[in-house]
Protein backbone atom coordinates (compact mmCIF):
# COMPACT_ATOMS: atom_id res chain seq x y z
CA MET A 1 6.96 -69.17 -3.84
CA HIS A 2 4.12 -68.51 -1.47
CA LEU A 3 3.06 -65.04 -0.26
CA ASP A 4 1.28 -64.75 3.02
CA VAL A 5 -1.16 -61.85 2.52
CA ARG A 6 -3.41 -60.83 5.37
CA ILE A 7 -6.05 -58.17 5.13
CA ARG A 8 -6.69 -56.24 8.26
CA PRO A 9 -9.23 -53.51 8.91
CA VAL A 10 -8.05 -49.89 8.69
CA ASP A 11 -8.51 -47.55 11.62
CA ARG A 12 -10.36 -44.72 9.85
CA SER A 13 -9.53 -42.19 12.58
CA ARG A 14 -5.88 -42.33 11.52
CA VAL A 15 -6.49 -41.81 7.80
CA TRP A 16 -5.64 -38.42 6.35
CA HIS A 17 -8.74 -36.75 4.92
CA ALA A 18 -7.66 -34.67 1.93
CA PRO A 19 -11.04 -32.93 1.43
CA ALA A 20 -10.85 -31.39 4.91
CA VAL A 21 -7.36 -30.04 4.21
CA VAL A 22 -8.45 -28.63 0.84
CA GLU A 23 -11.48 -26.94 2.40
CA THR A 24 -9.28 -25.38 5.09
CA ALA A 25 -6.79 -24.18 2.48
CA ASP A 26 -9.60 -22.74 0.34
CA ALA A 27 -10.96 -20.86 3.36
CA ALA A 28 -7.50 -19.49 4.17
CA VAL A 29 -7.00 -18.34 0.57
CA ALA A 30 -10.43 -16.69 0.54
CA GLU A 31 -9.69 -14.92 3.82
CA ALA A 32 -6.30 -13.71 2.53
CA ARG A 33 -7.92 -12.38 -0.64
CA ALA A 34 -10.59 -10.56 1.37
CA GLU A 35 -7.93 -8.99 3.62
CA GLU A 36 -5.92 -7.92 0.57
CA ALA A 37 -9.02 -6.42 -1.08
CA GLU A 38 -9.76 -4.51 2.13
CA ALA A 39 -6.18 -3.22 2.24
CA VAL A 40 -6.35 -2.12 -1.41
CA CYS A 41 -9.57 -0.16 -0.74
CA GLU A 42 -8.09 1.47 2.36
CA LEU A 43 -4.87 2.41 0.53
CA HIS A 44 -6.85 3.93 -2.37
CA ARG A 45 -8.73 6.03 0.19
CA LEU A 46 -5.48 7.07 1.89
CA ASN A 47 -3.94 7.97 -1.49
CA GLU A 48 -6.94 10.19 -2.24
CA HIS A 49 -6.55 11.94 1.13
CA TYR A 50 -2.77 12.23 0.66
CA ILE A 51 -3.32 14.24 -2.52
CA ARG A 52 -6.20 16.23 -1.01
CA ALA A 53 -4.01 17.10 1.98
CA PHE A 54 -1.30 18.30 -0.42
CA VAL A 55 -3.72 20.56 -2.30
CA GLU A 56 -5.25 21.93 0.92
CA SER A 57 -1.94 22.20 2.85
CA ASP A 58 -3.42 19.94 5.53
CA VAL A 59 -0.39 19.56 7.79
CA ALA A 60 -2.46 17.89 10.54
CA TRP A 61 -3.50 15.07 8.18
CA TYR A 62 0.10 14.40 7.18
CA ASP A 63 1.34 14.60 10.76
CA GLU A 64 -1.16 11.88 11.68
CA HIS A 65 -0.55 9.62 8.65
CA LEU A 66 3.23 9.82 8.18
CA SER A 67 5.51 7.65 10.33
CA ALA A 68 7.99 9.42 12.59
CA ASP A 69 10.83 8.19 10.33
CA PHE A 70 9.11 9.19 7.06
CA THR A 71 11.43 10.24 4.23
CA CYS A 72 10.69 11.76 0.86
CA SER A 73 12.99 11.71 -2.15
CA LEU A 74 12.09 14.81 -4.15
CA ALA A 75 12.13 15.05 -7.94
CA ASP A 76 15.39 17.05 -7.76
CA GLY A 77 17.08 14.20 -5.85
CA LYS A 78 17.03 15.89 -2.45
CA ARG A 79 15.94 13.66 0.46
CA ILE A 80 13.92 15.21 3.28
CA GLY A 81 12.47 13.92 6.53
CA LYS A 82 9.04 14.32 8.04
CA ASP A 83 9.68 17.71 9.68
CA GLU A 84 10.90 19.31 6.45
CA PHE A 85 8.08 17.65 4.51
CA LEU A 86 5.52 19.16 6.92
CA ARG A 87 7.16 22.62 6.62
CA ARG A 88 6.90 22.43 2.84
CA ILE A 89 3.25 21.32 3.01
CA ALA A 90 2.46 24.30 5.25
CA THR A 91 3.72 26.75 2.60
CA GLY A 92 1.12 25.58 0.08
CA PRO A 93 1.29 23.42 -3.00
CA GLY A 94 2.45 26.07 -5.50
CA VAL A 95 0.36 24.31 -8.14
CA THR A 96 -3.25 24.42 -9.34
CA ALA A 97 -5.67 22.13 -11.18
CA VAL A 98 -4.31 19.03 -9.47
CA ARG A 99 -5.58 15.65 -10.65
CA TYR A 100 -4.17 12.15 -10.51
CA ASP A 101 -4.36 8.84 -12.37
CA GLU A 102 -2.50 5.59 -13.12
CA ILE A 103 -2.99 4.49 -9.51
CA ASP A 104 -1.60 1.04 -8.74
CA VAL A 105 -1.89 -0.29 -5.19
CA ARG A 106 0.29 -3.30 -4.38
CA PRO A 107 -0.07 -4.73 -0.87
CA LEU A 108 2.89 -6.91 0.11
CA GLY A 109 1.94 -8.20 3.56
CA GLU A 110 2.46 -5.48 6.16
CA VAL A 111 3.96 -3.14 3.54
CA ALA A 112 2.32 -1.69 0.44
CA LEU A 113 3.39 0.32 -2.58
CA VAL A 114 1.13 2.96 -4.08
CA HIS A 115 2.17 4.23 -7.52
CA GLY A 116 0.50 7.02 -9.41
CA VAL A 117 0.88 10.20 -11.44
CA THR A 118 -0.26 13.68 -10.46
CA HIS A 119 -0.95 16.29 -13.13
CA TYR A 120 -1.11 20.00 -12.35
CA MET A 121 -0.43 23.53 -13.54
CA ARG A 122 2.71 25.27 -12.24
CA GLY A 123 3.36 28.84 -13.30
CA GLY A 124 0.79 28.51 -16.09
CA SER A 125 2.42 25.40 -17.58
CA PRO A 126 1.21 21.81 -17.33
CA ALA A 127 3.44 19.37 -15.46
CA SER A 128 3.26 15.85 -14.06
CA THR A 129 4.99 13.90 -11.31
CA ARG A 130 5.14 10.13 -10.99
CA TYR A 131 5.18 8.99 -7.38
CA THR A 132 5.65 5.89 -5.29
CA ASP A 133 4.50 5.96 -1.68
CA VAL A 134 5.49 3.18 0.70
CA TRP A 135 3.01 2.35 3.46
CA ARG A 136 3.47 0.09 6.48
CA TYR A 137 0.66 -1.49 8.50
CA GLN A 138 1.42 -1.10 12.19
CA ARG A 139 -0.67 -0.97 15.33
CA GLY A 140 -3.86 -1.51 13.34
CA ARG A 141 -3.41 1.21 10.71
CA TRP A 142 -1.44 2.19 7.62
CA LEU A 143 1.29 4.85 7.92
CA ALA A 144 3.31 6.30 5.03
CA ILE A 145 7.00 5.59 5.60
CA ALA A 146 8.50 6.90 2.36
CA ALA A 147 7.71 8.75 -0.86
CA GLN A 148 9.62 9.00 -4.15
CA LEU A 149 8.79 11.78 -6.64
CA THR A 150 9.96 11.79 -10.26
CA ALA A 151 9.22 14.55 -12.77
CA VAL A 152 7.55 13.27 -15.92
CA VAL A 153 9.19 14.92 -18.93
């Protein structure tokens, strides 16, 4: 048995260069991480203002930062829209000594979840509410599209 083996030169321009692909992928991953870090910082800032606006009854802030179709599920199970939410904000918080913690910001592409707990005094008694706010990135900015409130017992 005789094998006819011929060696021919390889056209290097047609060879796949793995290092270039890896470098491009690394750059894309780094860019994605930077964008996510930027989103997390922005959402932390918005969360801080969300709570400040609640304490100060800042209806204008909410009107600007809630989507037109915003809904809020209250701790008692009632679901309200943006207009009712703004009316309730205008009446004042009904609580004092507001603080918050356990903040967890989870960007998921053009949507993000912000979880946290607010602590406050209501009628002289301490109380807490766990919340989840849903934000959507649209037209170059984040807007709150939903909120869920749950009393911590």
